[in-house]
N, C-alpha and C. Protein backbone atom coordinates (compact mmCIF):
# COMPACT_ATOMS: atom_id res chain seq x y z
N UNK A 1 -16.45 19.88 -7.63
CA UNK A 1 -16.55 18.89 -6.59
C UNK A 1 -15.58 17.75 -6.91
N UNK A 2 -14.90 17.24 -5.89
CA UNK A 2 -13.95 16.15 -6.05
C UNK A 2 -14.65 14.84 -6.37
N UNK A 3 -14.01 14.03 -7.19
CA UNK A 3 -14.55 12.71 -7.51
C UNK A 3 -14.55 11.80 -6.29
N UNK A 4 -13.82 12.20 -5.24
CA UNK A 4 -13.72 11.38 -4.04
C UNK A 4 -14.55 11.92 -2.88
N UNK A 5 -15.38 12.89 -3.13
CA UNK A 5 -16.23 13.44 -2.08
C UNK A 5 -17.13 12.34 -1.52
N UNK A 6 -17.27 12.30 -0.21
CA UNK A 6 -18.11 11.32 0.48
C UNK A 6 -17.62 9.88 0.33
N UNK A 7 -16.35 9.70 0.02
CA UNK A 7 -15.79 8.35 -0.06
C UNK A 7 -14.71 8.19 1.01
N UNK A 8 -14.55 6.97 1.48
CA UNK A 8 -13.53 6.67 2.49
C UNK A 8 -12.33 6.07 1.80
N UNK A 9 -11.15 6.67 2.05
CA UNK A 9 -9.91 6.23 1.43
C UNK A 9 -8.94 5.84 2.55
N UNK A 10 -8.46 4.60 2.51
CA UNK A 10 -7.46 4.12 3.48
C UNK A 10 -6.09 4.35 2.88
N UNK A 11 -5.22 5.07 3.60
CA UNK A 11 -3.85 5.32 3.17
C UNK A 11 -2.94 4.56 4.11
N UNK A 12 -2.15 3.64 3.55
CA UNK A 12 -1.23 2.82 4.34
C UNK A 12 0.19 3.19 3.92
N UNK A 13 1.02 3.47 4.90
CA UNK A 13 2.41 3.80 4.61
C UNK A 13 2.77 5.23 4.98
N UNK A 14 1.79 5.98 5.46
CA UNK A 14 2.06 7.34 5.92
C UNK A 14 2.76 7.31 7.26
N UNK A 15 3.22 8.43 7.71
CA UNK A 15 3.95 8.49 8.97
C UNK A 15 3.10 9.00 10.13
N UNK A 16 1.81 9.22 9.90
CA UNK A 16 0.99 9.80 10.96
C UNK A 16 0.24 8.75 11.77
N UNK A 17 0.47 7.47 11.49
CA UNK A 17 -0.17 6.44 12.29
C UNK A 17 -1.57 6.10 11.83
N UNK A 18 -2.00 6.58 10.68
CA UNK A 18 -3.32 6.21 10.17
C UNK A 18 -3.24 4.82 9.59
N UNK A 19 -4.30 4.32 9.10
CA UNK A 19 -4.30 3.00 8.49
C UNK A 19 -5.42 2.17 9.03
N UNK A 20 -5.10 0.94 9.40
CA UNK A 20 -6.14 0.02 9.85
C UNK A 20 -6.76 0.44 11.17
N UNK A 21 -6.17 1.42 11.85
CA UNK A 21 -6.78 1.93 13.08
C UNK A 21 -8.12 2.57 12.79
N UNK A 22 -8.39 2.89 11.54
CA UNK A 22 -9.66 3.49 11.15
C UNK A 22 -10.53 2.44 10.48
N UNK A 23 -10.62 1.26 11.08
CA UNK A 23 -11.28 0.10 10.48
C UNK A 23 -12.68 0.39 9.97
N UNK A 24 -13.11 -0.46 9.09
CA UNK A 24 -14.43 -0.35 8.49
C UNK A 24 -14.35 -0.67 7.02
N UNK A 25 -15.31 -0.19 6.28
CA UNK A 25 -15.30 -0.38 4.83
C UNK A 25 -14.71 0.86 4.18
N UNK A 26 -14.05 0.63 3.06
CA UNK A 26 -13.42 1.73 2.34
C UNK A 26 -13.83 1.68 0.88
N UNK A 27 -13.73 2.85 0.24
CA UNK A 27 -13.99 2.93 -1.18
C UNK A 27 -12.71 2.74 -1.99
N UNK A 28 -11.59 3.09 -1.39
CA UNK A 28 -10.30 2.98 -2.09
C UNK A 28 -9.21 2.71 -1.06
N UNK A 29 -8.13 2.07 -1.50
CA UNK A 29 -6.96 1.82 -0.66
C UNK A 29 -5.73 2.31 -1.40
N UNK A 30 -4.91 3.12 -0.72
CA UNK A 30 -3.66 3.62 -1.28
C UNK A 30 -2.52 3.06 -0.44
N UNK A 31 -1.58 2.37 -1.07
CA UNK A 31 -0.44 1.80 -0.37
C UNK A 31 0.82 2.52 -0.84
N UNK A 32 1.43 3.26 0.08
CA UNK A 32 2.66 3.98 -0.27
C UNK A 32 3.86 3.43 0.49
N UNK A 33 3.65 2.38 1.26
CA UNK A 33 4.74 1.80 2.06
C UNK A 33 5.59 0.88 1.20
N UNK A 34 6.79 0.66 1.64
CA UNK A 34 7.68 -0.30 0.98
C UNK A 34 9.11 0.19 1.01
N UNK A 35 10.00 -0.76 1.09
CA UNK A 35 11.43 -0.45 1.10
C UNK A 35 12.02 -0.85 -0.23
N UNK A 36 12.74 0.07 -0.84
CA UNK A 36 13.39 -0.20 -2.10
C UNK A 36 14.85 0.19 -1.98
N UNK A 37 15.75 -0.79 -2.08
CA UNK A 37 17.18 -0.45 -2.02
C UNK A 37 17.59 0.36 -3.25
N UNK A 38 18.52 1.24 -3.06
CA UNK A 38 19.00 2.08 -4.15
C UNK A 38 20.35 1.56 -4.64
N UNK A 39 20.63 1.81 -5.87
CA UNK A 39 21.93 1.44 -6.43
C UNK A 39 21.77 0.80 -7.80
N UNK A 40 22.89 0.48 -8.36
CA UNK A 40 22.91 -0.14 -9.69
C UNK A 40 22.42 -1.58 -9.60
N UNK A 41 21.63 -1.98 -10.58
CA UNK A 41 21.07 -3.33 -10.58
C UNK A 41 22.17 -4.39 -10.63
N UNK A 42 23.22 -4.13 -11.38
CA UNK A 42 24.30 -5.12 -11.50
C UNK A 42 25.14 -5.25 -10.22
N UNK A 43 24.96 -4.32 -9.29
CA UNK A 43 25.68 -4.38 -8.01
C UNK A 43 24.76 -4.70 -6.84
N UNK A 44 23.46 -4.79 -7.10
CA UNK A 44 22.48 -5.04 -6.05
C UNK A 44 22.45 -6.53 -5.71
N UNK A 45 22.69 -6.89 -4.46
CA UNK A 45 22.60 -8.30 -4.09
C UNK A 45 21.20 -8.84 -4.35
N UNK A 46 21.12 -10.07 -4.81
CA UNK A 46 19.84 -10.68 -5.14
C UNK A 46 18.91 -10.70 -3.92
N UNK A 47 19.45 -10.90 -2.75
CA UNK A 47 18.63 -10.91 -1.53
C UNK A 47 17.93 -9.56 -1.33
N UNK A 48 18.63 -8.47 -1.66
CA UNK A 48 18.02 -7.14 -1.55
C UNK A 48 16.90 -6.96 -2.57
N UNK A 49 17.08 -7.51 -3.77
CA UNK A 49 16.04 -7.42 -4.79
C UNK A 49 14.80 -8.20 -4.35
N UNK A 50 15.01 -9.39 -3.77
CA UNK A 50 13.88 -10.16 -3.26
C UNK A 50 13.17 -9.42 -2.13
N UNK A 51 13.93 -8.80 -1.24
CA UNK A 51 13.34 -8.05 -0.13
C UNK A 51 12.51 -6.88 -0.64
N UNK A 52 12.99 -6.20 -1.68
CA UNK A 52 12.23 -5.10 -2.26
C UNK A 52 10.93 -5.60 -2.86
N UNK A 53 10.99 -6.74 -3.56
CA UNK A 53 9.77 -7.30 -4.15
C UNK A 53 8.79 -7.71 -3.06
N UNK A 54 9.30 -8.34 -2.01
CA UNK A 54 8.43 -8.73 -0.89
C UNK A 54 7.75 -7.50 -0.28
N UNK A 55 8.51 -6.43 -0.12
CA UNK A 55 7.98 -5.24 0.52
C UNK A 55 6.99 -4.50 -0.37
N UNK A 56 7.38 -4.19 -1.59
CA UNK A 56 6.55 -3.38 -2.47
C UNK A 56 5.38 -4.15 -3.06
N UNK A 57 5.66 -5.29 -3.71
CA UNK A 57 4.60 -6.02 -4.39
C UNK A 57 3.68 -6.74 -3.42
N UNK A 58 4.26 -7.61 -2.59
CA UNK A 58 3.42 -8.43 -1.71
C UNK A 58 2.73 -7.60 -0.65
N UNK A 59 3.36 -6.54 -0.19
CA UNK A 59 2.69 -5.64 0.76
C UNK A 59 1.46 -5.00 0.13
N UNK A 60 1.63 -4.49 -1.09
CA UNK A 60 0.52 -3.85 -1.79
C UNK A 60 -0.56 -4.86 -2.17
N UNK A 61 -0.19 -6.10 -2.35
CA UNK A 61 -1.14 -7.16 -2.69
C UNK A 61 -1.95 -7.58 -1.47
N UNK A 62 -1.28 -7.71 -0.33
CA UNK A 62 -1.94 -8.25 0.87
C UNK A 62 -2.82 -7.24 1.60
N UNK A 63 -2.42 -5.99 1.63
CA UNK A 63 -3.17 -5.00 2.41
C UNK A 63 -4.61 -4.86 1.93
N UNK A 64 -4.88 -4.65 0.64
CA UNK A 64 -6.29 -4.54 0.23
C UNK A 64 -7.08 -5.82 0.43
N UNK A 65 -6.41 -6.96 0.47
CA UNK A 65 -7.11 -8.22 0.72
C UNK A 65 -7.53 -8.37 2.17
N UNK A 66 -6.92 -7.57 3.06
CA UNK A 66 -7.23 -7.70 4.48
C UNK A 66 -8.23 -6.66 4.98
N UNK A 67 -8.67 -5.76 4.11
CA UNK A 67 -9.69 -4.79 4.47
C UNK A 67 -10.88 -4.92 3.52
N UNK A 68 -12.00 -4.40 3.93
CA UNK A 68 -13.19 -4.46 3.07
C UNK A 68 -13.22 -3.23 2.18
N UNK A 69 -13.22 -3.47 0.87
CA UNK A 69 -13.30 -2.38 -0.10
C UNK A 69 -14.65 -2.51 -0.80
N UNK A 70 -15.45 -1.45 -0.70
CA UNK A 70 -16.77 -1.45 -1.31
C UNK A 70 -16.67 -1.41 -2.84
N UNK A 71 -17.49 -2.19 -3.53
CA UNK A 71 -17.52 -2.09 -4.99
C UNK A 71 -18.03 -0.72 -5.40
N UNK A 72 -17.55 -0.11 -6.41
CA UNK A 72 -16.52 -0.54 -7.34
C UNK A 72 -15.15 0.02 -6.96
N UNK A 73 -14.80 0.01 -5.68
CA UNK A 73 -13.56 0.58 -5.19
C UNK A 73 -12.32 0.02 -5.86
N UNK A 74 -11.23 0.70 -5.60
CA UNK A 74 -9.95 0.31 -6.21
C UNK A 74 -8.91 0.20 -5.12
């Protein structure tokens, strides 16, 4: 039996349109969205690095704060 049986998992960042449209309480939140520019760090414009941090870190930080996650969810 799966450790996630009978639990609700919100997946954000998929391409099928799921996410907050399935509102309610969740046991876990998975964030796979975010834009990360590719290339060498020494050639990456600082603005692109900031945009990647805004997208990956702050997106993953804000999404679980905006939904209800049941304890001891992750």
